Full PDB file with SEQRES, HELIX, SHEET, SSBOND, CRYST1, ORIGX, SCALE, CONECT and MASTER records, all heavy atoms in Angstrom:
SEQRES   1 A   34  THR ARG ASN PHE ILE ILE GLN THR SER LEU ILE LEU LYS          
SEQRES   2 A   34  LEU ASP ILE ASP GLU MET ASN TYR LEU LEU GLN LEU ALA          
SEQRES   3 A   34  GLY LYS SER THR LEU TYR VAL ARG                              
HELIX    1 AA1 ARG A    2  LEU A   12  1                                  11    
HELIX    2 AA2 ILE A   16  LEU A   25  1                                  10    
CRYST1    1.000    1.000    1.000  90.00  90.00  90.00 P 1           1          
ORIGX1      1.000000  0.000000  0.000000        0.00000                         
ORIGX2      0.000000  1.000000  0.000000        0.00000                         
ORIGX3      0.000000  0.000000  1.000000        0.00000                         
SCALE1      1.000000  0.000000  0.000000        0.00000                         
SCALE2      0.000000  1.000000  0.000000        0.00000                         
SCALE3      0.000000  0.000000  1.000000        0.00000                         
ATOM      1  N   THR A   1       0.855  -1.181   0.000  1.00  0.00           N  
ATOM      2  CA  THR A   1       0.000   0.000   0.000  1.00  0.00           C  
ATOM      3  C   THR A   1       0.895   1.236   0.000  1.00  0.00           C  
ATOM      4  O   THR A   1       2.092   1.173   0.305  1.00  0.00           O  
ATOM      5  CB  THR A   1      -0.897   0.046   1.250  1.00  0.00           C  
ATOM      6  OG1 THR A   1      -0.059   0.174   2.407  1.00  0.00           O  
ATOM      7  CG2 THR A   1      -1.781  -1.185   1.353  1.00  0.00           C  
ATOM      8  N   ARG A   2       0.315   2.350  -0.290  1.00  0.00           N  
ATOM      9  CA  ARG A   2       1.057   3.616  -0.260  1.00  0.00           C  
ATOM     10  C   ARG A   2       1.542   3.889   1.165  1.00  0.00           C  
ATOM     11  O   ARG A   2       2.671   4.334   1.372  1.00  0.00           O  
ATOM     12  CB  ARG A   2       0.152   4.742  -0.764  1.00  0.00           C  
ATOM     13  CG  ARG A   2       0.868   6.057  -1.003  1.00  0.00           C  
ATOM     14  CD  ARG A   2      -0.069   7.017  -1.753  1.00  0.00           C  
ATOM     15  NE  ARG A   2       0.628   8.213  -2.152  1.00  0.00           N  
ATOM     16  CZ  ARG A   2       0.648   9.322  -1.428  1.00  0.00           C  
ATOM     17  NH1 ARG A   2       0.008   9.388  -0.269  1.00  0.00           N  
ATOM     18  NH2 ARG A   2       1.300  10.390  -1.865  1.00  0.00           N  
ATOM     19  N   ASN A   3       0.679   3.625   2.145  1.00  0.00           N  
ATOM     20  CA  ASN A   3       1.080   3.861   3.538  1.00  0.00           C  
ATOM     21  C   ASN A   3       2.237   2.956   3.957  1.00  0.00           C  
ATOM     22  O   ASN A   3       3.085   3.364   4.747  1.00  0.00           O  
ATOM     23  CB  ASN A   3      -0.110   3.678   4.487  1.00  0.00           C  
ATOM     24  CG  ASN A   3      -1.038   4.870   4.468  1.00  0.00           C  
ATOM     25  OD1 ASN A   3      -0.744   5.897   3.864  1.00  0.00           O  
ATOM     26  ND2 ASN A   3      -2.172   4.739   5.122  1.00  0.00           N  
ATOM     27  N   PHE A   4       2.277   1.739   3.450  1.00  0.00           N  
ATOM     28  CA  PHE A   4       3.399   0.840   3.758  1.00  0.00           C  
ATOM     29  C   PHE A   4       4.707   1.473   3.282  1.00  0.00           C  
ATOM     30  O   PHE A   4       5.696   1.481   4.003  1.00  0.00           O  
ATOM     31  CB  PHE A   4       3.181  -0.517   3.074  1.00  0.00           C  
ATOM     32  CG  PHE A   4       4.216  -1.556   3.409  1.00  0.00           C  
ATOM     33  CD1 PHE A   4       3.964  -2.518   4.381  1.00  0.00           C  
ATOM     34  CD2 PHE A   4       5.445  -1.593   2.748  1.00  0.00           C  
ATOM     35  CE1 PHE A   4       4.917  -3.490   4.691  1.00  0.00           C  
ATOM     36  CE2 PHE A   4       6.398  -2.555   3.044  1.00  0.00           C  
ATOM     37  CZ  PHE A   4       6.133  -3.508   4.021  1.00  0.00           C  
ATOM     38  N   ILE A   5       4.688   2.019   2.072  1.00  0.00           N  
ATOM     39  CA  ILE A   5       5.891   2.668   1.527  1.00  0.00           C  
ATOM     40  C   ILE A   5       6.253   3.902   2.354  1.00  0.00           C  
ATOM     41  O   ILE A   5       7.421   4.122   2.686  1.00  0.00           O  
ATOM     42  CB  ILE A   5       5.687   3.065   0.044  1.00  0.00           C  
ATOM     43  CG1 ILE A   5       5.484   1.835  -0.825  1.00  0.00           C  
ATOM     44  CG2 ILE A   5       6.857   3.911  -0.458  1.00  0.00           C  
ATOM     45  CD1 ILE A   5       6.682   0.942  -0.954  1.00  0.00           C  
ATOM     46  N   ILE A   6       5.272   4.703   2.699  1.00  0.00           N  
ATOM     47  CA  ILE A   6       5.540   5.907   3.491  1.00  0.00           C  
ATOM     48  C   ILE A   6       6.109   5.527   4.852  1.00  0.00           C  
ATOM     49  O   ILE A   6       7.124   6.084   5.298  1.00  0.00           O  
ATOM     50  CB  ILE A   6       4.264   6.768   3.633  1.00  0.00           C  
ATOM     51  CG1 ILE A   6       3.901   7.391   2.271  1.00  0.00           C  
ATOM     52  CG2 ILE A   6       4.450   7.851   4.696  1.00  0.00           C  
ATOM     53  CD1 ILE A   6       2.548   8.055   2.227  1.00  0.00           C  
ATOM     54  N   GLN A   7       5.493   4.559   5.514  1.00  0.00           N  
ATOM     55  CA  GLN A   7       5.975   4.148   6.832  1.00  0.00           C  
ATOM     56  C   GLN A   7       7.376   3.543   6.743  1.00  0.00           C  
ATOM     57  O   GLN A   7       8.236   3.826   7.583  1.00  0.00           O  
ATOM     58  CB  GLN A   7       4.998   3.174   7.475  1.00  0.00           C  
ATOM     59  CG  GLN A   7       3.710   3.861   7.921  1.00  0.00           C  
ATOM     60  CD  GLN A   7       2.729   2.866   8.497  1.00  0.00           C  
ATOM     61  OE1 GLN A   7       1.959   2.279   7.761  1.00  0.00           O  
ATOM     62  NE2 GLN A   7       2.786   2.682   9.794  1.00  0.00           N  
ATOM     63  N   THR A   8       7.623   2.744   5.735  1.00  0.00           N  
ATOM     64  CA  THR A   8       8.952   2.175   5.537  1.00  0.00           C  
ATOM     65  C   THR A   8       9.973   3.289   5.333  1.00  0.00           C  
ATOM     66  O   THR A   8      11.072   3.261   5.900  1.00  0.00           O  
ATOM     67  CB  THR A   8       8.961   1.210   4.328  1.00  0.00           C  
ATOM     68  OG1 THR A   8       8.040   0.146   4.586  1.00  0.00           O  
ATOM     69  CG2 THR A   8      10.337   0.645   4.076  1.00  0.00           C  
ATOM     70  N   SER A   9       9.606   4.286   4.559  1.00  0.00           N  
ATOM     71  CA  SER A   9      10.498   5.421   4.306  1.00  0.00           C  
ATOM     72  C   SER A   9      10.814   6.171   5.590  1.00  0.00           C  
ATOM     73  O   SER A   9      11.953   6.611   5.792  1.00  0.00           O  
ATOM     74  CB  SER A   9       9.862   6.372   3.289  1.00  0.00           C  
ATOM     75  OG  SER A   9       9.659   5.714   2.061  1.00  0.00           O  
ATOM     76  N   LEU A  10       9.823   6.314   6.448  1.00  0.00           N  
ATOM     77  CA  LEU A  10      10.048   6.989   7.730  1.00  0.00           C  
ATOM     78  C   LEU A  10      10.990   6.173   8.614  1.00  0.00           C  
ATOM     79  O   LEU A  10      11.905   6.721   9.239  1.00  0.00           O  
ATOM     80  CB  LEU A  10       8.715   7.217   8.450  1.00  0.00           C  
ATOM     81  CG  LEU A  10       7.786   8.261   7.830  1.00  0.00           C  
ATOM     82  CD1 LEU A  10       6.383   8.135   8.412  1.00  0.00           C  
ATOM     83  CD2 LEU A  10       8.341   9.663   8.037  1.00  0.00           C  
ATOM     84  N   ILE A  11      10.788   4.871   8.658  1.00  0.00           N  
ATOM     85  CA  ILE A  11      11.634   3.999   9.477  1.00  0.00           C  
ATOM     86  C   ILE A  11      13.075   4.022   8.964  1.00  0.00           C  
ATOM     87  O   ILE A  11      14.023   4.109   9.748  1.00  0.00           O  
ATOM     88  CB  ILE A  11      11.093   2.559   9.491  1.00  0.00           C  
ATOM     89  CG1 ILE A  11       9.777   2.502  10.263  1.00  0.00           C  
ATOM     90  CG2 ILE A  11      12.120   1.590  10.098  1.00  0.00           C  
ATOM     91  CD1 ILE A  11       8.999   1.218  10.089  1.00  0.00           C  
ATOM     92  N   LEU A  12      13.233   3.977   7.652  1.00  0.00           N  
ATOM     93  CA  LEU A  12      14.566   3.935   7.055  1.00  0.00           C  
ATOM     94  C   LEU A  12      15.209   5.319   6.969  1.00  0.00           C  
ATOM     95  O   LEU A  12      16.347   5.442   6.519  1.00  0.00           O  
ATOM     96  CB  LEU A  12      14.500   3.299   5.663  1.00  0.00           C  
ATOM     97  CG  LEU A  12      14.011   1.860   5.604  1.00  0.00           C  
ATOM     98  CD1 LEU A  12      13.919   1.375   4.160  1.00  0.00           C  
ATOM     99  CD2 LEU A  12      14.909   0.952   6.423  1.00  0.00           C  
ATOM    100  N   LYS A  13      14.448   6.337   7.367  1.00  0.00           N  
ATOM    101  CA  LYS A  13      14.921   7.721   7.326  1.00  0.00           C  
ATOM    102  C   LYS A  13      15.358   8.137   5.918  1.00  0.00           C  
ATOM    103  O   LYS A  13      16.412   8.739   5.719  1.00  0.00           O  
ATOM    104  CB  LYS A  13      16.036   7.955   8.343  1.00  0.00           C  
ATOM    105  CG  LYS A  13      15.588   7.675   9.772  1.00  0.00           C  
ATOM    106  CD  LYS A  13      16.541   8.212  10.785  1.00  0.00           C  
ATOM    107  CE  LYS A  13      16.119   7.926  12.206  1.00  0.00           C  
ATOM    108  NZ  LYS A  13      14.835   8.338  12.620  1.00  0.00           N  
ATOM    109  N   LEU A  14      14.500   7.791   4.955  1.00  0.00           N  
ATOM    110  CA  LEU A  14      14.761   8.164   3.571  1.00  0.00           C  
ATOM    111  C   LEU A  14      14.430   9.633   3.362  1.00  0.00           C  
ATOM    112  O   LEU A  14      13.637  10.209   4.111  1.00  0.00           O  
ATOM    113  CB  LEU A  14      13.919   7.311   2.618  1.00  0.00           C  
ATOM    114  CG  LEU A  14      14.091   5.799   2.701  1.00  0.00           C  
ATOM    115  CD1 LEU A  14      13.227   5.116   1.650  1.00  0.00           C  
ATOM    116  CD2 LEU A  14      15.557   5.396   2.542  1.00  0.00           C  
ATOM    117  N   ASP A  15      15.003  10.222   2.338  1.00  0.00           N  
ATOM    118  CA  ASP A  15      14.631  11.591   2.004  1.00  0.00           C  
ATOM    119  C   ASP A  15      13.434  11.547   1.041  1.00  0.00           C  
ATOM    120  O   ASP A  15      12.986  10.466   0.641  1.00  0.00           O  
ATOM    121  CB  ASP A  15      15.812  12.384   1.447  1.00  0.00           C  
ATOM    122  CG  ASP A  15      16.362  11.851   0.132  1.00  0.00           C  
ATOM    123  OD1 ASP A  15      15.603  11.243  -0.655  1.00  0.00           O  
ATOM    124  OD2 ASP A  15      17.565  12.052  -0.116  1.00  0.00           O  
ATOM    125  N   ILE A  16      12.933  12.699   0.691  1.00  0.00           N  
ATOM    126  CA  ILE A  16      11.729  12.784  -0.153  1.00  0.00           C  
ATOM    127  C   ILE A  16      11.947  12.112  -1.506  1.00  0.00           C  
ATOM    128  O   ILE A  16      11.092  11.370  -1.989  1.00  0.00           O  
ATOM    129  CB  ILE A  16      11.304  14.260  -0.346  1.00  0.00           C  
ATOM    130  CG1 ILE A  16      10.931  14.906   0.992  1.00  0.00           C  
ATOM    131  CG2 ILE A  16      10.157  14.374  -1.350  1.00  0.00           C  
ATOM    132  CD1 ILE A  16       9.761  14.275   1.702  1.00  0.00           C  
ATOM    133  N   ASP A  17      13.096  12.365  -2.132  1.00  0.00           N  
ATOM    134  CA  ASP A  17      13.360  11.770  -3.443  1.00  0.00           C  
ATOM    135  C   ASP A  17      13.399  10.246  -3.372  1.00  0.00           C  
ATOM    136  O   ASP A  17      12.853   9.567  -4.249  1.00  0.00           O  
ATOM    137  CB  ASP A  17      14.684  12.290  -4.016  1.00  0.00           C  
ATOM    138  CG  ASP A  17      14.609  13.755  -4.407  1.00  0.00           C  
ATOM    139  OD1 ASP A  17      13.495  14.254  -4.671  1.00  0.00           O  
ATOM    140  OD2 ASP A  17      15.669  14.397  -4.462  1.00  0.00           O  
ATOM    141  N   GLU A  18      14.025   9.708  -2.337  1.00  0.00           N  
ATOM    142  CA  GLU A  18      14.091   8.252  -2.184  1.00  0.00           C  
ATOM    143  C   GLU A  18      12.702   7.666  -1.965  1.00  0.00           C  
ATOM    144  O   GLU A  18      12.351   6.637  -2.545  1.00  0.00           O  
ATOM    145  CB  GLU A  18      15.009   7.878  -1.017  1.00  0.00           C  
ATOM    146  CG  GLU A  18      16.473   8.182  -1.263  1.00  0.00           C  
ATOM    147  CD  GLU A  18      17.317   8.062  -0.013  1.00  0.00           C  
ATOM    148  OE1 GLU A  18      16.887   8.533   1.064  1.00  0.00           O  
ATOM    149  OE2 GLU A  18      18.422   7.504  -0.117  1.00  0.00           O  
ATOM    150  N   MET A  19      11.899   8.334  -1.140  1.00  0.00           N  
ATOM    151  CA  MET A  19      10.551   7.847  -0.893  1.00  0.00           C  
ATOM    152  C   MET A  19       9.705   7.929  -2.157  1.00  0.00           C  
ATOM    153  O   MET A  19       8.985   6.981  -2.484  1.00  0.00           O  
ATOM    154  CB  MET A  19       9.868   8.622   0.228  1.00  0.00           C  
ATOM    155  CG  MET A  19       8.500   8.046   0.541  1.00  0.00           C  
ATOM    156  SD  MET A  19       7.557   8.970   1.715  1.00  0.00           S  
ATOM    157  CE  MET A  19       7.491  10.524   0.914  1.00  0.00           C  
ATOM    158  N   ASN A  20       9.795   9.030  -2.880  1.00  0.00           N  
ATOM    159  CA  ASN A  20       9.032   9.161  -4.123  1.00  0.00           C  
ATOM    160  C   ASN A  20       9.444   8.104  -5.139  1.00  0.00           C  
ATOM    161  O   ASN A  20       8.611   7.592  -5.885  1.00  0.00           O  
ATOM    162  CB  ASN A  20       9.171  10.564  -4.705  1.00  0.00           C  
ATOM    163  CG  ASN A  20       8.215  11.547  -4.062  1.00  0.00           C  
ATOM    164  OD1 ASN A  20       7.155  11.172  -3.564  1.00  0.00           O  
ATOM    165  ND2 ASN A  20       8.591  12.804  -4.065  1.00  0.00           N  
ATOM    166  N   TYR A  21      10.720   7.750  -5.156  1.00  0.00           N  
ATOM    167  CA  TYR A  21      11.206   6.697  -6.049  1.00  0.00           C  
ATOM    168  C   TYR A  21      10.533   5.367  -5.695  1.00  0.00           C  
ATOM    169  O   TYR A  21      10.055   4.646  -6.578  1.00  0.00           O  
ATOM    170  CB  TYR A  21      12.728   6.597  -5.951  1.00  0.00           C  
ATOM    171  CG  TYR A  21      13.337   5.535  -6.830  1.00  0.00           C  
ATOM    172  CD1 TYR A  21      13.198   5.572  -8.215  1.00  0.00           C  
ATOM    173  CD2 TYR A  21      14.061   4.495  -6.269  1.00  0.00           C  
ATOM    174  CE1 TYR A  21      13.767   4.593  -9.017  1.00  0.00           C  
ATOM    175  CE2 TYR A  21      14.634   3.512  -7.072  1.00  0.00           C  
ATOM    176  CZ  TYR A  21      14.485   3.571  -8.436  1.00  0.00           C  
ATOM    177  OH  TYR A  21      15.033   2.611  -9.232  1.00  0.00           O  
ATOM    178  N   LEU A  22      10.473   5.049  -4.409  1.00  0.00           N  
ATOM    179  CA  LEU A  22       9.798   3.816  -3.985  1.00  0.00           C  
ATOM    180  C   LEU A  22       8.321   3.850  -4.361  1.00  0.00           C  
ATOM    181  O   LEU A  22       7.769   2.847  -4.820  1.00  0.00           O  
ATOM    182  CB  LEU A  22       9.949   3.600  -2.478  1.00  0.00           C  
ATOM    183  CG  LEU A  22      11.331   3.267  -1.957  1.00  0.00           C  
ATOM    184  CD1 LEU A  22      11.294   3.097  -0.433  1.00  0.00           C  
ATOM    185  CD2 LEU A  22      11.896   2.023  -2.617  1.00  0.00           C  
ATOM    186  N   LEU A  23       7.682   4.988  -4.158  1.00  0.00           N  
ATOM    187  CA  LEU A  23       6.268   5.127  -4.508  1.00  0.00           C  
ATOM    188  C   LEU A  23       6.069   4.893  -6.010  1.00  0.00           C  
ATOM    189  O   LEU A  23       5.125   4.212  -6.415  1.00  0.00           O  
ATOM    190  CB  LEU A  23       5.731   6.498  -4.091  1.00  0.00           C  
ATOM    191  CG  LEU A  23       5.540   6.706  -2.591  1.00  0.00           C  
ATOM    192  CD1 LEU A  23       5.321   8.182  -2.276  1.00  0.00           C  
ATOM    193  CD2 LEU A  23       4.387   5.864  -2.057  1.00  0.00           C  
ATOM    194  N   GLN A  24       6.962   5.437  -6.817  1.00  0.00           N  
ATOM    195  CA  GLN A  24       6.864   5.238  -8.269  1.00  0.00           C  
ATOM    196  C   GLN A  24       7.030   3.771  -8.626  1.00  0.00           C  
ATOM    197  O   GLN A  24       6.272   3.235  -9.439  1.00  0.00           O  
ATOM    198  CB  GLN A  24       7.922   6.063  -8.998  1.00  0.00           C  
ATOM    199  CG  GLN A  24       7.628   7.533  -9.019  1.00  0.00           C  
ATOM    200  CD  GLN A  24       8.758   8.331  -9.658  1.00  0.00           C  
ATOM    201  OE1 GLN A  24       9.915   7.946  -9.604  1.00  0.00           O  
ATOM    202  NE2 GLN A  24       8.399   9.445 -10.266  1.00  0.00           N  
ATOM    203  N   LEU A  25       8.022   3.106  -8.024  1.00  0.00           N  
ATOM    204  CA  LEU A  25       8.236   1.688  -8.311  1.00  0.00           C  
ATOM    205  C   LEU A  25       7.022   0.853  -7.921  1.00  0.00           C  
ATOM    206  O   LEU A  25       6.734  -0.162  -8.554  1.00  0.00           O  
ATOM    207  CB  LEU A  25       9.471   1.162  -7.571  1.00  0.00           C  
ATOM    208  CG  LEU A  25      10.831   1.613  -8.096  1.00  0.00           C  
ATOM    209  CD1 LEU A  25      11.944   1.061  -7.215  1.00  0.00           C  
ATOM    210  CD2 LEU A  25      11.030   1.194  -9.550  1.00  0.00           C  
ATOM    211  N   ALA A  26       6.324   1.278  -6.876  1.00  0.00           N  
ATOM    212  CA  ALA A  26       5.137   0.553  -6.417  1.00  0.00           C  
ATOM    213  C   ALA A  26       3.890   0.929  -7.219  1.00  0.00           C  
ATOM    214  O   ALA A  26       2.812   0.363  -6.994  1.00  0.00           O  
ATOM    215  CB  ALA A  26       4.902   0.834  -4.934  1.00  0.00           C  
ATOM    216  N   GLY A  27       4.024   1.882  -8.132  1.00  0.00           N  
ATOM    217  CA  GLY A  27       2.873   2.308  -8.923  1.00  0.00           C  
ATOM    218  C   GLY A  27       1.915   3.195  -8.142  1.00  0.00           C  
ATOM    219  O   GLY A  27       0.732   3.269  -8.468  1.00  0.00           O  
ATOM    220  N   LYS A  28       2.431   3.865  -7.126  1.00  0.00           N  
ATOM    221  CA  LYS A  28       1.612   4.739  -6.289  1.00  0.00           C  
ATOM    222  C   LYS A  28       1.937   6.197  -6.601  1.00  0.00           C  
ATOM    223  O   LYS A  28       3.000   6.509  -7.132  1.00  0.00           O  
ATOM    224  CB  LYS A  28       1.884   4.481  -4.794  1.00  0.00           C  
ATOM    225  CG  LYS A  28       1.769   3.039  -4.368  1.00  0.00           C  
ATOM    226  CD  LYS A  28       0.400   2.466  -4.606  1.00  0.00           C  
ATOM    227  CE  LYS A  28       0.329   1.012  -4.160  1.00  0.00           C  
ATOM    228  NZ  LYS A  28      -0.863   0.354  -4.592  1.00  0.00           N  
ATOM    229  N   SER A  29       1.050   7.087  -6.234  1.00  0.00           N  
ATOM    230  CA  SER A  29       1.292   8.505  -6.484  1.00  0.00           C  
ATOM    231  C   SER A  29       2.371   9.028  -5.544  1.00  0.00           C  
ATOM    232  O   SER A  29       2.448   8.637  -4.381  1.00  0.00           O  
ATOM    233  CB  SER A  29       0.005   9.311  -6.320  1.00  0.00           C  
ATOM    234  OG  SER A  29      -0.492   9.186  -5.008  1.00  0.00           O  
ATOM    235  N   THR A  30       3.211   9.903  -6.090  1.00  0.00           N  
ATOM    236  CA  THR A  30       4.253  10.524  -5.284  1.00  0.00           C  
ATOM    237  C   THR A  30       3.611  11.596  -4.401  1.00  0.00           C  
ATOM    238  O   THR A  30       2.436  11.929  -4.571  1.00  0.00           O  
ATOM    239  CB  THR A  30       5.344  11.140  -6.181  1.00  0.00           C  
ATOM    240  OG1 THR A  30       4.745  12.076  -7.070  1.00  0.00           O  
ATOM    241  CG2 THR A  30       6.073  10.058  -6.972  1.00  0.00           C  
ATOM    242  N   LEU A  31       4.402  12.119  -3.478  1.00  0.00           N  
ATOM    243  CA  LEU A  31       3.862  13.130  -2.563  1.00  0.00           C  
ATOM    244  C   LEU A  31       3.393  14.359  -3.319  1.00  0.00           C  
ATOM    245  O   LEU A  31       4.052  14.823  -4.241  1.00  0.00           O  
ATOM    246  CB  LEU A  31       4.936  13.577  -1.564  1.00  0.00           C  
ATOM    247  CG  LEU A  31       5.251  12.655  -0.417  1.00  0.00           C  
ATOM    248  CD1 LEU A  31       6.190  13.359   0.558  1.00  0.00           C  
ATOM    249  CD2 LEU A  31       4.033  12.157   0.307  1.00  0.00           C  
ATOM    250  N   TYR A  32       2.274  14.881  -2.883  1.00  0.00           N  
ATOM    251  CA  TYR A  32       1.711  16.111  -3.420  1.00  0.00           C  
ATOM    252  C   TYR A  32       1.371  16.973  -2.217  1.00  0.00           C  
ATOM    253  O   TYR A  32       0.390  16.702  -1.503  1.00  0.00           O  
ATOM    254  CB  TYR A  32       0.466  15.800  -4.262  1.00  0.00           C  
ATOM    255  CG  TYR A  32      -0.197  17.012  -4.853  1.00  0.00           C  
ATOM    256  CD1 TYR A  32       0.477  17.803  -5.781  1.00  0.00           C  
ATOM    257  CD2 TYR A  32      -1.482  17.379  -4.498  1.00  0.00           C  
ATOM    258  CE1 TYR A  32      -0.113  18.915  -6.337  1.00  0.00           C  
ATOM    259  CE2 TYR A  32      -2.095  18.490  -5.054  1.00  0.00           C  
ATOM    260  CZ  TYR A  32      -1.402  19.260  -5.969  1.00  0.00           C  
ATOM    261  OH  TYR A  32      -1.990  20.363  -6.519  1.00  0.00           O  
ATOM    262  N   VAL A  33       2.195  17.988  -1.948  1.00  0.00           N  
ATOM    263  CA  VAL A  33       2.074  18.721  -0.689  1.00  0.00           C  
ATOM    264  C   VAL A  33       0.812  19.555  -0.560  1.00  0.00           C  
ATOM    265  O   VAL A  33       0.543  20.084   0.516  1.00  0.00           O  
ATOM    266  CB  VAL A  33       3.323  19.581  -0.386  1.00  0.00           C  
ATOM    267  CG1 VAL A  33       4.541  18.709  -0.182  1.00  0.00           C  
ATOM    268  CG2 VAL A  33       3.547  20.616  -1.464  1.00  0.00           C  
ATOM    269  N   ARG A  34       0.021  19.647  -1.583  1.00  0.00           N  
ATOM    270  CA  ARG A  34      -1.277  20.323  -1.439  1.00  0.00           C  
ATOM    271  C   ARG A  34      -2.314  19.393  -0.810  1.00  0.00           C  
ATOM    272  O   ARG A  34      -3.389  19.819  -0.432  1.00  0.00           O  
ATOM    273  CB  ARG A  34      -1.756  20.864  -2.774  1.00  0.00           C  
ATOM    274  CG  ARG A  34      -0.865  21.992  -3.257  1.00  0.00           C  
ATOM    275  CD  ARG A  34      -1.539  22.821  -4.299  1.00  0.00           C  
ATOM    276  NE  ARG A  34      -0.697  23.898  -4.744  1.00  0.00           N  
ATOM    277  CZ  ARG A  34      -0.664  25.100  -4.174  1.00  0.00           C  
ATOM    278  NH1 ARG A  34      -1.416  25.369  -3.144  1.00  0.00           N  
ATOM    279  NH2 ARG A  34       0.126  26.036  -4.649  1.00  0.00           N  
TER     280      ARG A  34                                                      
MASTER        0    0    0    2    0    0    0    6  279    1    0    3          
END                                                                             
């Protein structure tokens, strides 16, 4: 799920670009700050 990727990114202390890359690989939408 998208939340799984976000939570994993938080645990691994990834930056925004790294997290967005994972989201893209998972076929999920990248962060949209609006």
